[in-house]
Amino acid sequence: LVFSDCLWPEFGDAQLDAALADYADRDRRFGGVKAT
């Protein structure tokens, strides 16, 4: 989940890429743990 203060009509590449960068840093485990 990513929540942005940007109002939708102003949403553009910068806001999309910021959300994608945030997503790329997340550790997705789906309720489990990693082998490491």
Full PDB file with SEQRES, HELIX, SHEET, SSBOND, CRYST1, ORIGX, SCALE, CONECT and MASTER records, all heavy atoms in Angstrom:
SEQRES   1 A   36  LEU VAL PHE SER ASP CYS LEU TRP PRO GLU PHE GLY ASP          
SEQRES   2 A   36  ALA GLN LEU ASP ALA ALA LEU ALA ASP TYR ALA ASP ARG          
SEQRES   3 A   36  ASP ARG ARG PHE GLY GLY VAL LYS ALA THR                      
HELIX    1 AA1 TRP A    8  GLU A   10  5                                   3    
HELIX    2 AA2 ASP A   13  ALA A   24  1                                  12    
CRYST1    1.000    1.000    1.000  90.00  90.00  90.00 P 1           1          
ORIGX1      1.000000  0.000000  0.000000        0.00000                         
ORIGX2      0.000000  1.000000  0.000000        0.00000                         
ORIGX3      0.000000  0.000000  1.000000        0.00000                         
SCALE1      1.000000  0.000000  0.000000        0.00000                         
SCALE2      0.000000  1.000000  0.000000        0.00000                         
SCALE3      0.000000  0.000000  1.000000        0.00000                         
ATOM      1  N   LEU A   1       0.829  -1.204   0.000  1.00  0.00           N  
ATOM      2  CA  LEU A   1       0.000   0.000   0.000  1.00  0.00           C  
ATOM      3  C   LEU A   1       0.866   1.257   0.000  1.00  0.00           C  
ATOM      4  O   LEU A   1       1.825   1.360   0.767  1.00  0.00           O  
ATOM      5  CB  LEU A   1      -0.916   0.014   1.225  1.00  0.00           C  
ATOM      6  CG  LEU A   1      -1.758  -1.244   1.482  1.00  0.00           C  
ATOM      7  CD1 LEU A   1      -2.628  -1.043   2.723  1.00  0.00           C  
ATOM      8  CD2 LEU A   1      -2.624  -1.577   0.276  1.00  0.00           C  
ATOM      9  N   VAL A   2       0.506   2.206  -0.873  1.00  0.00           N  
ATOM     10  CA  VAL A   2       1.182   3.501  -0.934  1.00  0.00           C  
ATOM     11  C   VAL A   2       0.109   4.585  -0.938  1.00  0.00           C  
ATOM     12  O   VAL A   2      -0.798   4.554  -1.770  1.00  0.00           O  
ATOM     13  CB  VAL A   2       2.064   3.636  -2.194  1.00  0.00           C  
ATOM     14  CG1 VAL A   2       2.588   5.065  -2.324  1.00  0.00           C  
ATOM     15  CG2 VAL A   2       3.233   2.654  -2.146  1.00  0.00           C  
ATOM     16  N   PHE A   3       0.215   5.531  -0.017  1.00  0.00           N  
ATOM     17  CA  PHE A   3      -0.737   6.629   0.057  1.00  0.00           C  
ATOM     18  C   PHE A   3      -0.016   7.936  -0.268  1.00  0.00           C  
ATOM     19  O   PHE A   3       1.037   8.232   0.291  1.00  0.00           O  
ATOM     20  CB  PHE A   3      -1.378   6.691   1.445  1.00  0.00           C  
ATOM     21  CG  PHE A   3      -2.172   5.456   1.782  1.00  0.00           C  
ATOM     22  CD1 PHE A   3      -1.600   4.426   2.522  1.00  0.00           C  
ATOM     23  CD2 PHE A   3      -3.468   5.305   1.334  1.00  0.00           C  
ATOM     24  CE1 PHE A   3      -2.319   3.267   2.820  1.00  0.00           C  
ATOM     25  CE2 PHE A   3      -4.198   4.157   1.624  1.00  0.00           C  
ATOM     26  CZ  PHE A   3      -3.629   3.141   2.366  1.00  0.00           C  
ATOM     27  N   SER A   4      -0.597   8.689  -1.190  1.00  0.00           N  
ATOM     28  CA  SER A   4       0.033   9.920  -1.677  1.00  0.00           C  
ATOM     29  C   SER A   4      -0.847  11.121  -1.378  1.00  0.00           C  
ATOM     30  O   SER A   4      -2.080  11.057  -1.492  1.00  0.00           O  
ATOM     31  CB  SER A   4       0.260   9.810  -3.191  1.00  0.00           C  
ATOM     32  OG  SER A   4       0.651  11.054  -3.739  1.00  0.00           O  
ATOM     33  N   ASP A   5      -0.227  12.228  -1.014  1.00  0.00           N  
ATOM     34  CA  ASP A   5      -0.971  13.475  -0.796  1.00  0.00           C  
ATOM     35  C   ASP A   5      -1.344  14.154  -2.103  1.00  0.00           C  
ATOM     36  O   ASP A   5      -2.146  15.089  -2.117  1.00  0.00           O  
ATOM     37  CB  ASP A   5      -0.140  14.444   0.056  1.00  0.00           C  
ATOM     38  CG  ASP A   5       0.007  13.966   1.500  1.00  0.00           C  
ATOM     39  OD1 ASP A   5      -0.913  13.270   1.973  1.00  0.00           O  
ATOM     40  OD2 ASP A   5       1.025  14.275   2.126  1.00  0.00           O  
ATOM     41  N   CYS A   6      -0.768  13.713  -3.193  1.00  0.00           N  
ATOM     42  CA  CYS A   6      -1.024  14.318  -4.502  1.00  0.00           C  
ATOM     43  C   CYS A   6      -2.496  14.140  -4.879  1.00  0.00           C  
ATOM     44  O   CYS A   6      -3.051  13.047  -4.783  1.00  0.00           O  
ATOM     45  CB  CYS A   6      -0.131  13.652  -5.542  1.00  0.00           C  
ATOM     46  SG  CYS A   6      -0.433  14.159  -7.239  1.00  0.00           S  
ATOM     47  N   LEU A   7      -3.142  15.214  -5.325  1.00  0.00           N  
ATOM     48  CA  LEU A   7      -4.506  15.120  -5.834  1.00  0.00           C  
ATOM     49  C   LEU A   7      -4.457  14.466  -7.213  1.00  0.00           C  
ATOM     50  O   LEU A   7      -3.559  14.743  -8.017  1.00  0.00           O  
ATOM     51  CB  LEU A   7      -5.147  16.503  -5.908  1.00  0.00           C  
ATOM     52  CG  LEU A   7      -5.243  17.254  -4.573  1.00  0.00           C  
ATOM     53  CD1 LEU A   7      -5.843  18.641  -4.778  1.00  0.00           C  
ATOM     54  CD2 LEU A   7      -6.047  16.467  -3.557  1.00  0.00           C  
ATOM     55  N   TRP A   8      -5.422  13.608  -7.516  1.00  0.00           N  
ATOM     56  CA  TRP A   8      -5.330  12.784  -8.703  1.00  0.00           C  
ATOM     57  C   TRP A   8      -5.079  13.558 -10.002  1.00  0.00           C  
ATOM     58  O   TRP A   8      -4.259  13.118 -10.823  1.00  0.00           O  
ATOM     59  CB  TRP A   8      -6.574  11.889  -8.852  1.00  0.00           C  
ATOM     60  CG  TRP A   8      -6.537  11.109 -10.127  1.00  0.00           C  
ATOM     61  CD1 TRP A   8      -7.341  11.251 -11.213  1.00  0.00           C  
ATOM     62  CD2 TRP A   8      -5.580  10.093 -10.482  1.00  0.00           C  
ATOM     63  NE1 TRP A   8      -6.975  10.381 -12.211  1.00  0.00           N  
ATOM     64  CE2 TRP A   8      -5.890   9.662 -11.787  1.00  0.00           C  
ATOM     65  CE3 TRP A   8      -4.498   9.517  -9.805  1.00  0.00           C  
ATOM     66  CZ2 TRP A   8      -5.158   8.675 -12.430  1.00  0.00           C  
ATOM     67  CZ3 TRP A   8      -3.765   8.539 -10.455  1.00  0.00           C  
ATOM     68  CH2 TRP A   8      -4.104   8.123 -11.758  1.00  0.00           C  
ATOM     69  N   PRO A   9      -5.725  14.691 -10.275  1.00  0.00           N  
ATOM     70  CA  PRO A   9      -5.446  15.378 -11.548  1.00  0.00           C  
ATOM     71  C   PRO A   9      -3.991  15.791 -11.709  1.00  0.00           C  
ATOM     72  O   PRO A   9      -3.545  16.048 -12.832  1.00  0.00           O  
ATOM     73  CB  PRO A   9      -6.366  16.606 -11.491  1.00  0.00           C  
ATOM     74  CG  PRO A   9      -7.504  16.179 -10.625  1.00  0.00           C  
ATOM     75  CD  PRO A   9      -6.852  15.334  -9.560  1.00  0.00           C  
ATOM     76  N   GLU A  10      -3.235  15.866 -10.604  1.00  0.00           N  
ATOM     77  CA  GLU A  10      -1.829  16.267 -10.662  1.00  0.00           C  
ATOM     78  C   GLU A  10      -0.881  15.064 -10.689  1.00  0.00           C  
ATOM     79  O   GLU A  10       0.340  15.232 -10.735  1.00  0.00           O  
ATOM     80  CB  GLU A  10      -1.508  17.155  -9.455  1.00  0.00           C  
ATOM     81  CG  GLU A  10      -2.329  18.451  -9.438  1.00  0.00           C  
ATOM     82  CD  GLU A  10      -2.197  19.203  -8.126  1.00  0.00           C  
ATOM     83  OE1 GLU A  10      -1.695  18.609  -7.150  1.00  0.00           O  
ATOM     84  OE2 GLU A  10      -2.611  20.370  -8.076  1.00  0.00           O  
ATOM     85  N   PHE A  11      -1.436  13.857 -10.654  1.00  0.00           N  
ATOM     86  CA  PHE A  11      -0.615  12.643 -10.629  1.00  0.00           C  
ATOM     87  C   PHE A  11       0.084  12.475 -11.977  1.00  0.00           C  
ATOM     88  O   PHE A  11      -0.534  12.563 -13.032  1.00  0.00           O  
ATOM     89  CB  PHE A  11      -1.505  11.432 -10.357  1.00  0.00           C  
ATOM     90  CG  PHE A  11      -0.752  10.168 -10.048  1.00  0.00           C  
ATOM     91  CD1 PHE A  11      -0.342   9.881  -8.762  1.00  0.00           C  
ATOM     92  CD2 PHE A  11      -0.464   9.246 -11.052  1.00  0.00           C  
ATOM     93  CE1 PHE A  11       0.344   8.706  -8.466  1.00  0.00           C  
ATOM     94  CE2 PHE A  11       0.215   8.072 -10.764  1.00  0.00           C  
ATOM     95  CZ  PHE A  11       0.622   7.791  -9.471  1.00  0.00           C  
ATOM     96  N   GLY A  12       1.383  12.245 -11.916  1.00  0.00           N  
ATOM     97  CA  GLY A  12       2.160  12.096 -13.149  1.00  0.00           C  
ATOM     98  C   GLY A  12       3.318  11.137 -12.974  1.00  0.00           C  
ATOM     99  O   GLY A  12       3.359  10.333 -12.029  1.00  0.00           O  
ATOM    100  N   ASP A  13       4.291  11.235 -13.873  1.00  0.00           N  
ATOM    101  CA  ASP A  13       5.428  10.315 -13.862  1.00  0.00           C  
ATOM    102  C   ASP A  13       6.185  10.333 -12.543  1.00  0.00           C  
ATOM    103  O   ASP A  13       6.612   9.290 -12.043  1.00  0.00           O  
ATOM    104  CB  ASP A  13       6.390  10.662 -15.000  1.00  0.00           C  
ATOM    105  CG  ASP A  13       5.858  10.246 -16.364  1.00  0.00           C  
ATOM    106  OD1 ASP A  13       4.713   9.748 -16.423  1.00  0.00           O  
ATOM    107  OD2 ASP A  13       6.577  10.426 -17.356  1.00  0.00           O  
ATOM    108  N   ALA A  14       6.380  11.533 -11.979  1.00  0.00           N  
ATOM    109  CA  ALA A  14       7.167  11.638 -10.737  1.00  0.00           C  
ATOM    110  C   ALA A  14       6.500  10.870  -9.601  1.00  0.00           C  
ATOM    111  O   ALA A  14       7.169  10.138  -8.864  1.00  0.00           O  
ATOM    112  CB  ALA A  14       7.334  13.111 -10.356  1.00  0.00           C  
ATOM    113  N   GLN A  15       5.174  11.021  -9.473  1.00  0.00           N  
ATOM    114  CA  GLN A  15       4.463  10.335  -8.395  1.00  0.00           C  
ATOM    115  C   GLN A  15       4.417   8.823  -8.640  1.00  0.00           C  
ATOM    116  O   GLN A  15       4.560   8.022  -7.708  1.00  0.00           O  
ATOM    117  CB  GLN A  15       3.041  10.886  -8.265  1.00  0.00           C  
ATOM    118  CG  GLN A  15       2.958  12.307  -7.724  1.00  0.00           C  
ATOM    119  CD  GLN A  15       3.308  13.358  -8.766  1.00  0.00           C  
ATOM    120  OE1 GLN A  15       3.270  13.095  -9.973  1.00  0.00           O  
ATOM    121  NE2 GLN A  15       3.636  14.557  -8.312  1.00  0.00           N  
ATOM    122  N   LEU A  16       4.220   8.424  -9.899  1.00  0.00           N  
ATOM    123  CA  LEU A  16       4.216   7.002 -10.224  1.00  0.00           C  
ATOM    124  C   LEU A  16       5.565   6.371  -9.930  1.00  0.00           C  
ATOM    125  O   LEU A  16       5.649   5.305  -9.297  1.00  0.00           O  
ATOM    126  CB  LEU A  16       3.845   6.796 -11.695  1.00  0.00           C  
ATOM    127  CG  LEU A  16       3.892   5.352 -12.200  1.00  0.00           C  
ATOM    128  CD1 LEU A  16       2.897   4.468 -11.446  1.00  0.00           C  
ATOM    129  CD2 LEU A  16       3.621   5.299 -13.710  1.00  0.00           C  
ATOM    130  N   ASP A  17       6.635   7.021 -10.365  1.00  0.00           N  
ATOM    131  CA  ASP A  17       7.970   6.454 -10.155  1.00  0.00           C  
ATOM    132  C   ASP A  17       8.343   6.415  -8.674  1.00  0.00           C  
ATOM    133  O   ASP A  17       9.035   5.492  -8.231  1.00  0.00           O  
ATOM    134  CB  ASP A  17       9.005   7.261 -10.944  1.00  0.00           C  
ATOM    135  CG  ASP A  17       8.917   7.003 -12.443  1.00  0.00           C  
ATOM    136  OD1 ASP A  17       8.408   5.936 -12.832  1.00  0.00           O  
ATOM    137  OD2 ASP A  17       9.337   7.876 -13.221  1.00  0.00           O  
ATOM    138  N   ALA A  18       7.879   7.394  -7.899  1.00  0.00           N  
ATOM    139  CA  ALA A  18       8.138   7.373  -6.452  1.00  0.00           C  
ATOM    140  C   ALA A  18       7.455   6.167  -5.807  1.00  0.00           C  
ATOM    141  O   ALA A  18       8.033   5.488  -4.949  1.00  0.00           O  
ATOM    142  CB  ALA A  18       7.652   8.669  -5.812  1.00  0.00           C  
ATOM    143  N   ALA A  19       6.220   5.887  -6.232  1.00  0.00           N  
ATOM    144  CA  ALA A  19       5.499   4.730  -5.694  1.00  0.00           C  
ATOM    145  C   ALA A  19       6.169   3.425  -6.112  1.00  0.00           C  
ATOM    146  O   ALA A  19       6.270   2.481  -5.317  1.00  0.00           O  
ATOM    147  CB  ALA A  19       4.047   4.759  -6.160  1.00  0.00           C  
ATOM    148  N   LEU A  20       6.621   3.362  -7.362  1.00  0.00           N  
ATOM    149  CA  LEU A  20       7.297   2.152  -7.841  1.00  0.00           C  
ATOM    150  C   LEU A  20       8.623   1.937  -7.114  1.00  0.00           C  
ATOM    151  O   LEU A  20       9.003   0.793  -6.817  1.00  0.00           O  
ATOM    152  CB  LEU A  20       7.526   2.245  -9.349  1.00  0.00           C  
ATOM    153  CG  LEU A  20       6.266   2.245 -10.222  1.00  0.00           C  
ATOM    154  CD1 LEU A  20       6.638   2.381 -11.696  1.00  0.00           C  
ATOM    155  CD2 LEU A  20       5.448   0.980  -9.996  1.00  0.00           C  
ATOM    156  N   ALA A  21       9.333   3.021  -6.819  1.00  0.00           N  
ATOM    157  CA  ALA A  21      10.590   2.906  -6.075  1.00  0.00           C  
ATOM    158  C   ALA A  21      10.321   2.419  -4.654  1.00  0.00           C  
ATOM    159  O   ALA A  21      11.064   1.588  -4.112  1.00  0.00           O  
ATOM    160  CB  ALA A  21      11.308   4.252  -6.055  1.00  0.00           C  
ATOM    161  N   ASP A  22       9.247   2.934  -4.053  1.00  0.00           N  
ATOM    162  CA  ASP A  22       8.856   2.480  -2.717  1.00  0.00           C  
ATOM    163  C   ASP A  22       8.526   0.992  -2.750  1.00  0.00           C  
ATOM    164  O   ASP A  22       8.975   0.207  -1.900  1.00  0.00           O  
ATOM    165  CB  ASP A  22       7.634   3.296  -2.264  1.00  0.00           C  
ATOM    166  CG  ASP A  22       7.316   3.115  -0.786  1.00  0.00           C  
ATOM    167  OD1 ASP A  22       7.853   2.189  -0.167  1.00  0.00           O  
ATOM    168  OD2 ASP A  22       6.523   3.920  -0.259  1.00  0.00           O  
ATOM    169  N   TYR A  23       7.767   0.581  -3.749  1.00  0.00           N  
ATOM    170  CA  TYR A  23       7.398  -0.832  -3.905  1.00  0.00           C  
ATOM    171  C   TYR A  23       8.641  -1.716  -4.057  1.00  0.00           C  
ATOM    172  O   TYR A  23       8.730  -2.794  -3.469  1.00  0.00           O  
ATOM    173  CB  TYR A  23       6.499  -0.987  -5.125  1.00  0.00           C  
ATOM    174  CG  TYR A  23       6.235  -2.420  -5.533  1.00  0.00           C  
ATOM    175  CD1 TYR A  23       5.262  -3.176  -4.897  1.00  0.00           C  
ATOM    176  CD2 TYR A  23       6.977  -3.019  -6.561  1.00  0.00           C  
ATOM    177  CE1 TYR A  23       5.025  -4.500  -5.262  1.00  0.00           C  
ATOM    178  CE2 TYR A  23       6.746  -4.334  -6.934  1.00  0.00           C  
ATOM    179  CZ  TYR A  23       5.769  -5.067  -6.287  1.00  0.00           C  
ATOM    180  OH  TYR A  23       5.545  -6.366  -6.651  1.00  0.00           O  
ATOM    181  N   ALA A  24       9.612  -1.249  -4.845  1.00  0.00           N  
ATOM    182  CA  ALA A  24      10.817  -2.043  -5.107  1.00  0.00           C  
ATOM    183  C   ALA A  24      11.623  -2.288  -3.843  1.00  0.00           C  
ATOM    184  O   ALA A  24      12.359  -3.286  -3.741  1.00  0.00           O  
ATOM    185  CB  ALA A  24      11.686  -1.343  -6.152  1.00  0.00           C  
ATOM    186  N   ASP A  25      11.464  -1.403  -2.847  1.00  0.00           N  
ATOM    187  CA  ASP A  25      12.205  -1.552  -1.593  1.00  0.00           C  
ATOM    188  C   ASP A  25      11.470  -2.403  -0.565  1.00  0.00           C  
ATOM    189  O   ASP A  25      12.026  -2.707   0.495  1.00  0.00           O  
ATOM    190  CB  ASP A  25      12.477  -0.173  -0.974  1.00  0.00           C  
ATOM    191  CG  ASP A  25      13.581   0.575  -1.710  1.00  0.00           C  
ATOM    192  OD1 ASP A  25      14.393  -0.094  -2.381  1.00  0.00           O  
ATOM    193  OD2 ASP A  25      13.627   1.811  -1.612  1.00  0.00           O  
ATOM    194  N   ARG A  26      10.220  -2.771  -0.862  1.00  0.00           N  
ATOM    195  CA  ARG A  26       9.453  -3.546   0.102  1.00  0.00           C  
ATOM    196  C   ARG A  26       9.933  -4.994   0.134  1.00  0.00           C  
ATOM    197  O   ARG A  26      10.375  -5.553  -0.872  1.00  0.00           O  
ATOM    198  CB  ARG A  26       7.951  -3.516  -0.263  1.00  0.00           C  
ATOM    199  CG  ARG A  26       7.350  -2.114  -0.335  1.00  0.00           C  
ATOM    200  CD  ARG A  26       7.085  -1.511   1.008  1.00  0.00           C  
ATOM    201  NE  ARG A  26       6.502  -0.173   0.871  1.00  0.00           N  
ATOM    202  CZ  ARG A  26       5.192   0.078   0.896  1.00  0.00           C  
ATOM    203  NH1 ARG A  26       4.329  -0.918   1.049  1.00  0.00           N  
ATOM    204  NH2 ARG A  26       4.749   1.331   0.779  1.00  0.00           N  
ATOM    205  N   ASP A  27       9.807  -5.609   1.307  1.00  0.00           N  
ATOM    206  CA  ASP A  27      10.172  -7.011   1.494  1.00  0.00           C  
ATOM    207  C   ASP A  27       8.878  -7.812   1.542  1.00  0.00           C  
ATOM    208  O   ASP A  27       8.209  -7.887   2.576  1.00  0.00           O  
ATOM    209  CB  ASP A  27      10.955  -7.162   2.798  1.00  0.00           C  
ATOM    210  CG  ASP A  27      11.475  -8.578   3.006  1.00  0.00           C  
ATOM    211  OD1 ASP A  27      11.347  -9.392   2.069  1.00  0.00           O  
ATOM    212  OD2 ASP A  27      11.994  -8.865   4.095  1.00  0.00           O  
ATOM    213  N   ARG A  28       8.493  -8.418   0.428  1.00  0.00           N  
ATOM    214  CA  ARG A  28       7.206  -9.109   0.328  1.00  0.00           C  
ATOM    215  C   ARG A  28       7.353 -10.565   0.758  1.00  0.00           C  
ATOM    216  O   ARG A  28       8.024 -11.353   0.110  1.00  0.00           O  
ATOM    217  CB  ARG A  28       6.660  -9.015  -1.102  1.00  0.00           C  
ATOM    218  CG  ARG A  28       6.569  -7.590  -1.628  1.00  0.00           C  
ATOM    219  CD  ARG A  28       5.823  -7.544  -2.940  1.00  0.00           C  
ATOM    220  NE  ARG A  28       4.384  -7.720  -2.728  1.00  0.00           N  
ATOM    221  CZ  ARG A  28       3.545  -8.134  -3.672  1.00  0.00           C  
ATOM    222  NH1 ARG A  28       4.005  -8.453  -4.875  1.00  0.00           N  
ATOM    223  NH2 ARG A  28       2.252  -8.243  -3.413  1.00  0.00           N  
ATOM    224  N   ARG A  29       6.669 -10.926   1.840  1.00  0.00           N  
ATOM    225  CA  ARG A  29       6.811 -12.278   2.395  1.00  0.00           C  
ATOM    226  C   ARG A  29       5.513 -13.076   2.353  1.00  0.00           C  
ATOM    227  O   ARG A  29       5.528 -14.276   2.600  1.00  0.00           O  
ATOM    228  CB  ARG A  29       7.314 -12.193   3.833  1.00  0.00           C  
ATOM    229  CG  ARG A  29       8.630 -11.434   3.951  1.00  0.00           C  
ATOM    230  CD  ARG A  29       9.196 -11.516   5.343  1.00  0.00           C  
ATOM    231  NE  ARG A  29      10.441 -10.755   5.449  1.00  0.00           N  
ATOM    232  CZ  ARG A  29      11.368 -10.972   6.372  1.00  0.00           C  
ATOM    233  NH1 ARG A  29      11.184 -11.923   7.265  1.00  0.00           N  
ATOM    234  NH2 ARG A  29      12.458 -10.243   6.411  1.00  0.00           N  
ATOM    235  N   PHE A  30       4.385 -12.412   2.107  1.00  0.00           N  
ATOM    236  CA  PHE A  30       3.087 -13.102   2.010  1.00  0.00           C  
ATOM    237  C   PHE A  30       2.812 -13.986   3.230  1.00  0.00           C  
ATOM    238  O   PHE A  30       2.296 -15.097   3.114  1.00  0.00           O  
ATOM    239  CB  PHE A  30       3.017 -13.931   0.724  1.00  0.00           C  
ATOM    240  CG  PHE A  30       3.203 -13.110  -0.516  1.00  0.00           C  
ATOM    241  CD1 PHE A  30       4.448 -13.022  -1.124  1.00  0.00           C  
ATOM    242  CD2 PHE A  30       2.150 -12.400  -1.070  1.00  0.00           C  
ATOM    243  CE1 PHE A  30       4.634 -12.249  -2.270  1.00  0.00           C  
ATOM    244  CE2 PHE A  30       2.322 -11.631  -2.212  1.00  0.00           C  
ATOM    245  CZ  PHE A  30       3.561 -11.556  -2.816  1.00  0.00           C  
ATOM    246  N   GLY A  31       3.165 -13.489   4.399  1.00  0.00           N  
ATOM    247  CA  GLY A  31       2.884 -14.213   5.632  1.00  0.00           C  
ATOM    248  C   GLY A  31       3.953 -15.199   6.048  1.00  0.00           C  
ATOM    249  O   GLY A  31       3.888 -15.774   7.143  1.00  0.00           O  
ATOM    250  N   GLY A  32       4.955 -15.415   5.203  1.00  0.00           N  
ATOM    251  CA  GLY A  32       6.009 -16.377   5.523  1.00  0.00           C  
ATOM    252  C   GLY A  32       7.317 -15.689   5.861  1.00  0.00           C  
ATOM    253  O   GLY A  32       7.361 -14.493   6.157  1.00  0.00           O  
ATOM    254  N   VAL A  33       8.385 -16.443   5.818  1.00  0.00           N  
ATOM    255  CA  VAL A  33       9.723 -15.903   6.025  1.00  0.00           C  
ATOM    256  C   VAL A  33      10.601 -16.359   4.871  1.00  0.00           C  
ATOM    257  O   VAL A  33      10.320 -17.362   4.219  1.00  0.00           O  
ATOM    258  CB  VAL A  33      10.340 -16.365   7.367  1.00  0.00           C  
ATOM    259  CG1 VAL A  33       9.548 -15.805   8.534  1.00  0.00           C  
ATOM    260  CG2 VAL A  33      10.425 -17.871   7.435  1.00  0.00           C  
ATOM    261  N   LYS A  34      11.651 -15.607   4.628  1.00  0.00           N  
ATOM    262  CA  LYS A  34      12.561 -15.967   3.546  1.00  0.00           C  
ATOM    263  C   LYS A  34      13.547 -17.034   4.009  1.00  0.00           C  
ATOM    264  O   LYS A  34      13.860 -17.144   5.192  1.00  0.00           O  
ATOM    265  CB  LYS A  34      13.322 -14.725   3.072  1.00  0.00           C  
ATOM    266  CG  LYS A  34      12.434 -13.728   2.341  1.00  0.00           C  
ATOM    267  CD  LYS A  34      13.256 -12.618   1.742  1.00  0.00           C  
ATOM    268  CE  LYS A  34      12.409 -11.693   0.907  1.00  0.00           C  
ATOM    269  NZ  LYS A  34      13.201 -10.595   0.290  1.00  0.00           N  
ATOM    270  N   ALA A  35      14.035 -17.801   3.033  1.00  0.00           N  
ATOM    271  CA  ALA A  35      14.989 -18.865   3.341  1.00  0.00           C  
ATOM    272  C   ALA A  35      16.220 -18.302   4.037  1.00  0.00           C  
ATOM    273  O   ALA A  35      16.791 -18.923   4.931  1.00  0.00           O  
ATOM    274  CB  ALA A  35      15.376 -19.604   2.064  1.00  0.00           C  
ATOM    275  N   THR A  36      16.642 -17.101   3.647  1.00  0.00           N  
ATOM    276  CA  THR A  36      17.831 -16.493   4.267  1.00  0.00           C  
ATOM    277  C   THR A  36      17.588 -16.212   5.736  1.00  0.00           C  
ATOM    278  O   THR A  36      18.499 -16.272   6.545  1.00  0.00           O  
ATOM    279  CB  THR A  36      18.186 -15.192   3.539  1.00  0.00           C  
ATOM    280  OG1 THR A  36      17.023 -14.343   3.482  1.00  0.00           O  
ATOM    281  CG2 THR A  36      18.686 -15.455   2.139  1.00  0.00           C  
TER     282      THR A  36                                                      
MASTER        0    0    0    2    0    0    0    6  281    1    0    3          
END                                                                             
